[in-house]
Amino acid sequence: MILTNADNAYFPWPGDGVYNNPWADNLGARDDWRMSDRLVNILNALSDPRLPIYAQPVGGSGSSYVGSPNGVLPMPPNMPDRATTSRPGVIFYKGVTVYGPTFGGAGASLPTPVLTAAEVNFILAEASERGLGGLTAGTAATYYNAAISASLNQWNDLAASSGGSISAGAMATYLANPGVVYQGGVAGQKQIATQKYIALYMDGATAWFEWRRTCIPTTIVPGPDATLTYVPRRLEYPTTEATANGTSLQAAIAAQGPDNLGTKLWWDTQTAPTCT
């Protein structure tokens, strides 16, 4: 199993102008990308040392990190002034942007995490707490702390080329934070889900999967200008399925429910704010 960062699986990007990290190309082409307040609020509340790596301070200087609300139109009253909210961290940028400022520089070759020691250790922590796979709750805290430490070190290593860092002291302080110290039981499962959500930054698809499975964070809800009254629970089938595999498609719909974004998959059983 991938239990240490030395074995992390990454998708590499040459950063040669042809095969760049897609985040770098998008962030350098338009200046309306801002951090979600769902994530930033959690990081601020825990004084998380990954925040200065994940995000830039408001205005490009200082230490104030502010997220933007989700599901809003790009205009008042719900959309805040972009100058008052945080851009993603400098490590994701490839240098000069089309709108003027220069951020980072190595973002085009920043590798994309596929499966990391942090994610695997969080899986083992949850399995331990739930008594699955021959594991017991007595090992949950060990795996949980190993997962957080792996994430902190992973992001420290990724940020090194852009001058970011998380000191050993900052890591120790974070693990000793009362809001981070493992509590066990259902509370511990919620801590695992929260910390896993934080660690999955850059892997939005897996973070969405985990949110649907655990309903953590409970603050993920439709924004004020959202066209749906719920957060999507699945993807719709592509139109090619209807034309090339219509019989099987109709059988799947009959078994699973309507082919829309709100139909839950069989494993999607949690509903906020009650999580187990």
Protein backbone atom coordinates (compact mmCIF):
# COMPACT_ATOMS: atom_id res chain seq x y z
CA MET A 1 0.00 0.00 0.00
CA ILE A 2 1.01 3.63 -0.47
CA LEU A 3 1.77 4.53 3.13
CA THR A 4 4.59 7.08 2.71
CA ASN A 5 4.98 10.07 0.42
CA ALA A 6 7.89 8.39 -1.33
CA ASP A 7 5.33 6.11 -2.98
CA ASN A 8 2.72 8.75 -3.85
CA ALA A 9 1.18 8.30 -7.29
CA TYR A 10 1.30 11.51 -9.32
CA PHE A 11 0.34 12.36 -12.88
CA PRO A 12 3.36 14.30 -14.18
CA TRP A 13 3.15 17.37 -16.39
CA PRO A 14 6.22 18.30 -18.49
CA GLY A 15 5.26 21.99 -18.33
CA ASP A 16 6.61 22.46 -21.84
CA GLY A 17 3.82 24.73 -23.09
CA VAL A 18 2.04 21.80 -24.72
CA TYR A 19 1.45 19.49 -21.77
CA ASN A 20 0.97 21.87 -18.85
CA ASN A 21 -0.84 21.31 -15.60
CA PRO A 22 -4.38 22.43 -16.61
CA TRP A 23 -4.77 24.48 -13.43
CA ALA A 24 -1.75 26.59 -14.38
CA ASP A 25 -3.11 27.34 -17.85
CA ASN A 26 -6.55 28.29 -16.52
CA LEU A 27 -5.31 30.37 -13.60
CA GLY A 28 -3.00 32.34 -15.86
CA ALA A 29 -5.68 33.03 -18.47
CA ARG A 30 -8.46 34.59 -16.37
CA ASP A 31 -8.53 36.30 -13.01
CA ASP A 32 -11.90 35.18 -11.67
CA TRP A 33 -10.64 32.06 -9.89
CA ARG A 34 -11.05 32.40 -6.13
CA MET A 35 -10.90 30.05 -3.18
CA SER A 36 -14.17 28.61 -1.90
CA ASP A 37 -15.19 29.88 1.50
CA ARG A 38 -16.26 26.32 2.37
CA LEU A 39 -12.62 25.23 2.45
CA VAL A 40 -11.02 28.50 3.61
CA ASN A 41 -13.35 28.77 6.61
CA ILE A 42 -12.32 25.30 7.79
CA LEU A 43 -8.63 26.05 7.31
CA ASN A 44 -8.91 29.38 9.12
CA ALA A 45 -10.79 27.83 12.04
CA LEU A 46 -8.05 25.24 12.53
CA SER A 47 -5.12 27.62 11.85
CA ASP A 48 -4.12 25.09 9.21
CA PRO A 49 -0.52 25.60 7.98
CA ARG A 50 -1.53 24.42 4.49
CA LEU A 51 -3.64 27.54 3.98
CA PRO A 52 -0.73 29.78 2.78
CA ILE A 53 0.11 27.05 0.24
CA TYR A 54 -3.45 26.42 -0.92
CA ALA A 55 -4.30 30.12 -1.17
CA GLN A 56 -2.88 33.62 -1.48
CA PRO A 57 -3.66 36.28 1.12
CA VAL A 58 -6.17 38.94 0.18
CA GLY A 59 -4.54 41.62 -1.91
CA GLY A 60 -1.42 39.51 -2.41
CA SER A 61 0.16 40.48 0.91
CA GLY A 62 -0.46 40.13 4.61
CA SER A 63 -2.01 37.12 6.30
CA SER A 64 -5.75 37.49 5.73
CA TYR A 65 -7.35 34.63 3.80
CA VAL A 66 -10.96 34.98 2.67
CA GLY A 67 -12.96 32.60 0.52
CA SER A 68 -15.69 33.39 -1.96
CA PRO A 69 -19.18 31.88 -1.63
CA ASN A 70 -20.14 29.09 -4.00
CA GLY A 71 -23.03 29.20 -6.44
CA VAL A 72 -23.18 32.95 -7.06
CA LEU A 73 -23.51 34.98 -10.23
CA PRO A 74 -20.48 37.16 -11.16
CA MET A 75 -22.16 40.35 -9.98
CA PRO A 76 -23.55 41.93 -6.80
CA PRO A 77 -25.19 41.40 -4.40
CA ASN A 78 -23.89 37.87 -3.72
CA MET A 79 -20.55 38.00 -5.56
CA PRO A 80 -17.89 39.74 -3.45
CA ASP A 81 -15.29 42.05 -4.92
CA ARG A 82 -12.46 39.85 -6.21
CA ALA A 83 -9.97 42.15 -4.51
CA THR A 84 -11.37 41.06 -1.13
CA THR A 85 -11.06 37.29 -1.67
CA SER A 86 -8.11 34.91 -2.01
CA ARG A 87 -6.68 33.54 -5.22
CA PRO A 88 -5.38 29.95 -5.26
CA GLY A 89 -1.81 29.56 -4.05
CA VAL A 90 1.19 30.74 -6.05
CA ILE A 91 2.43 27.18 -6.56
CA PHE A 92 -0.39 26.59 -9.06
CA TYR A 93 0.62 29.48 -11.35
CA LYS A 94 3.16 29.34 -14.18
CA GLY A 95 4.43 32.90 -13.88
CA VAL A 96 3.24 35.85 -15.95
CA THR A 97 -0.53 36.03 -16.34
CA VAL A 98 -2.49 37.53 -19.23
CA TYR A 99 -3.99 40.03 -16.78
CA GLY A 100 -0.66 41.36 -15.52
CA PRO A 101 0.65 39.99 -12.22
CA THR A 102 3.27 37.27 -11.96
CA PHE A 103 2.63 34.41 -9.56
CA GLY A 104 4.72 31.34 -8.83
CA GLY A 105 6.49 30.10 -11.93
CA ALA A 106 6.62 26.30 -11.70
CA GLY A 107 2.89 25.64 -11.80
CA ALA A 108 2.94 24.32 -15.38
CA SER A 109 4.94 21.29 -14.23
CA LEU A 110 3.21 20.80 -10.86
CA PRO A 111 2.24 17.10 -10.71
CA THR A 112 -1.37 16.11 -10.10
CA PRO A 113 -1.92 13.77 -7.12
CA VAL A 114 -3.67 10.52 -8.07
CA LEU A 115 -3.33 8.44 -4.90
CA THR A 116 -1.35 9.59 -1.88
CA ALA A 117 -0.18 8.26 1.45
CA ALA A 118 -2.48 10.76 3.13
CA GLU A 119 -5.57 9.35 1.40
CA VAL A 120 -4.60 5.72 2.08
CA ASN A 121 -3.92 6.41 5.76
CA PHE A 122 -7.26 8.17 6.11
CA ILE A 123 -8.95 5.11 4.57
CA LEU A 124 -7.16 2.93 7.12
CA ALA A 125 -8.12 5.30 9.94
CA GLU A 126 -11.80 5.09 9.02
CA ALA A 127 -11.62 1.32 8.58
CA SER A 128 -10.05 1.07 12.03
CA GLU A 129 -12.69 3.23 13.68
CA ARG A 130 -15.45 1.20 12.00
CA GLY A 131 -13.77 -2.14 12.80
CA LEU A 132 -13.40 -3.16 9.15
CA GLY A 133 -10.80 -5.39 7.47
CA GLY A 134 -9.53 -6.87 10.71
CA LEU A 135 -8.61 -3.44 12.09
CA THR A 136 -9.73 -2.10 15.45
CA ALA A 137 -10.55 1.35 16.81
CA GLY A 138 -7.33 1.28 18.81
CA THR A 139 -5.28 1.99 15.67
CA ALA A 140 -7.53 4.74 14.26
CA ALA A 141 -5.63 7.61 15.90
CA THR A 142 -2.28 6.30 14.64
CA TYR A 143 -3.47 6.15 11.04
CA TYR A 144 -5.26 9.50 11.39
CA ASN A 145 -2.13 11.27 12.62
CA ALA A 146 -0.03 9.55 9.96
CA ALA A 147 -2.46 10.76 7.30
CA ILE A 148 -2.36 14.38 8.44
CA SER A 149 1.43 14.29 8.73
CA ALA A 150 1.69 12.82 5.25
CA SER A 151 -0.51 15.58 3.83
CA LEU A 152 1.45 18.33 5.58
CA ASN A 153 4.74 16.95 4.30
CA GLN A 154 3.34 16.34 0.81
CA TRP A 155 2.28 19.95 0.44
CA ASN A 156 5.49 21.19 2.04
CA ASP A 157 7.43 19.29 -0.64
CA LEU A 158 5.20 20.48 -3.51
CA ALA A 159 5.51 24.10 -2.38
CA ALA A 160 9.28 24.06 -1.98
CA SER A 161 9.92 25.25 -5.55
CA SER A 162 7.78 28.34 -4.94
CA GLY A 163 9.24 29.25 -1.59
CA GLY A 164 6.44 27.83 0.52
CA SER A 165 7.10 25.68 3.53
CA ILE A 166 5.58 24.14 6.66
CA SER A 167 8.07 23.90 9.50
CA ALA A 168 8.34 20.89 11.78
CA GLY A 169 7.20 23.11 14.63
CA ALA A 170 4.10 24.20 12.73
CA MET A 171 3.27 20.56 12.00
CA ALA A 172 3.61 19.62 15.67
CA THR A 173 1.48 22.58 16.75
CA TYR A 174 -1.22 21.63 14.28
CA LEU A 175 -1.36 18.00 15.43
CA ALA A 176 -1.69 19.26 19.00
CA ASN A 177 -4.56 21.63 18.11
CA PRO A 178 -7.62 20.61 20.20
CA GLY A 179 -9.72 20.77 17.05
CA VAL A 180 -7.38 18.33 15.32
CA VAL A 181 -6.53 15.88 18.13
CA TYR A 182 -8.38 12.64 17.41
CA GLN A 183 -11.55 12.13 19.46
CA GLY A 184 -12.66 8.67 18.37
CA GLY A 185 -16.15 7.32 17.78
CA VAL A 186 -18.57 9.18 15.50
CA ALA A 187 -16.76 12.45 16.29
CA GLY A 188 -13.55 10.83 15.13
CA GLN A 189 -15.15 9.68 11.89
CA LYS A 190 -16.20 13.27 11.21
CA GLN A 191 -12.63 14.43 11.92
CA ILE A 192 -11.28 11.85 9.47
CA ALA A 193 -13.74 13.01 6.81
CA THR A 194 -12.89 16.68 7.39
CA GLN A 195 -9.15 16.16 7.28
CA LYS A 196 -9.46 13.93 4.23
CA TYR A 197 -11.45 16.67 2.49
CA ILE A 198 -8.68 19.16 3.28
CA ALA A 199 -5.95 16.81 2.06
CA LEU A 200 -7.75 16.10 -1.25
CA TYR A 201 -7.16 19.64 -2.52
CA MET A 202 -6.43 19.45 -6.28
CA ASP A 203 -8.50 16.23 -6.48
CA GLY A 204 -11.98 17.69 -6.63
CA ALA A 205 -13.64 14.58 -8.07
CA THR A 206 -12.55 12.43 -5.13
CA ALA A 207 -13.45 15.18 -2.65
CA TRP A 208 -16.96 15.27 -4.19
CA PHE A 209 -17.17 11.48 -3.91
CA GLU A 210 -16.18 11.65 -0.24
CA TRP A 211 -18.67 14.44 0.50
CA ARG A 212 -21.50 12.41 -1.01
CA ARG A 213 -20.44 9.37 1.00
CA THR A 214 -19.98 11.13 4.36
CA CYS A 215 -21.86 14.47 4.03
CA ILE A 216 -18.77 16.18 5.47
CA PRO A 217 -18.32 19.15 5.39
CA THR A 218 -21.97 19.85 6.20
CA THR A 219 -21.48 23.44 4.99
CA ILE A 220 -21.48 22.35 1.34
CA VAL A 221 -24.92 23.51 0.22
CA PRO A 222 -26.33 25.18 -2.91
CA GLY A 223 -25.28 28.81 -3.29
CA PRO A 224 -27.79 31.68 -3.36
CA ASP A 225 -27.77 31.93 -7.18
CA ALA A 226 -27.56 28.20 -7.89
CA THR A 227 -29.97 26.87 -10.52
CA LEU A 228 -30.52 23.67 -8.51
CA THR A 229 -31.90 23.39 -4.99
CA TYR A 230 -29.42 20.63 -4.18
CA VAL A 231 -25.75 19.85 -4.72
CA PRO A 232 -25.42 17.35 -7.60
CA ARG A 233 -25.22 13.75 -6.44
CA ARG A 234 -24.14 12.13 -9.71
CA LEU A 235 -23.47 12.79 -13.39
CA GLU A 236 -26.08 12.26 -16.06
CA TYR A 237 -25.56 9.62 -18.74
CA PRO A 238 -24.06 10.97 -21.99
CA THR A 239 -26.33 11.17 -25.03
CA THR A 240 -24.23 8.50 -26.76
CA GLU A 241 -25.59 5.95 -24.28
CA ALA A 242 -29.13 6.61 -25.48
CA THR A 243 -28.19 6.12 -29.12
CA ALA A 244 -25.69 3.26 -28.80
CA ASN A 245 -26.87 1.40 -25.71
CA GLY A 246 -30.49 2.43 -25.24
CA THR A 247 -31.89 -0.85 -23.90
CA SER A 248 -29.27 -1.15 -21.18
CA LEU A 249 -29.60 2.55 -20.38
CA GLN A 250 -33.34 2.22 -19.76
CA ALA A 251 -32.72 -0.85 -17.60
CA ALA A 252 -30.18 1.12 -15.53
CA ILE A 253 -32.58 4.04 -15.11
CA ALA A 254 -35.34 1.66 -14.02
CA ALA A 255 -33.05 0.20 -11.37
CA GLN A 256 -31.31 3.40 -10.22
CA GLY A 257 -33.93 6.11 -10.61
CA PRO A 258 -34.33 9.11 -12.93
CA ASP A 259 -31.37 10.13 -15.06
CA ASN A 260 -30.75 13.49 -13.43
CA LEU A 261 -28.19 15.14 -11.17
CA GLY A 262 -30.25 14.54 -8.03
CA THR A 263 -30.61 10.75 -8.14
CA LYS A 264 -28.37 9.20 -5.51
CA LEU A 265 -26.16 6.22 -6.24
CA TRP A 266 -26.62 3.10 -4.15
CA TRP A 267 -23.80 3.93 -1.74
CA ASP A 268 -24.85 7.57 -1.28
CA THR A 269 -26.87 7.29 1.94
CA GLN A 270 -25.81 10.24 4.10
CA THR A 271 -27.82 13.43 4.50
CA ALA A 272 -26.50 16.50 6.32
CA PRO A 273 -26.45 17.44 9.11
CA THR A 274 -26.87 13.92 10.52
CA CYS A 275 -23.83 11.79 9.65
CA THR A 276 -22.86 8.35 10.90
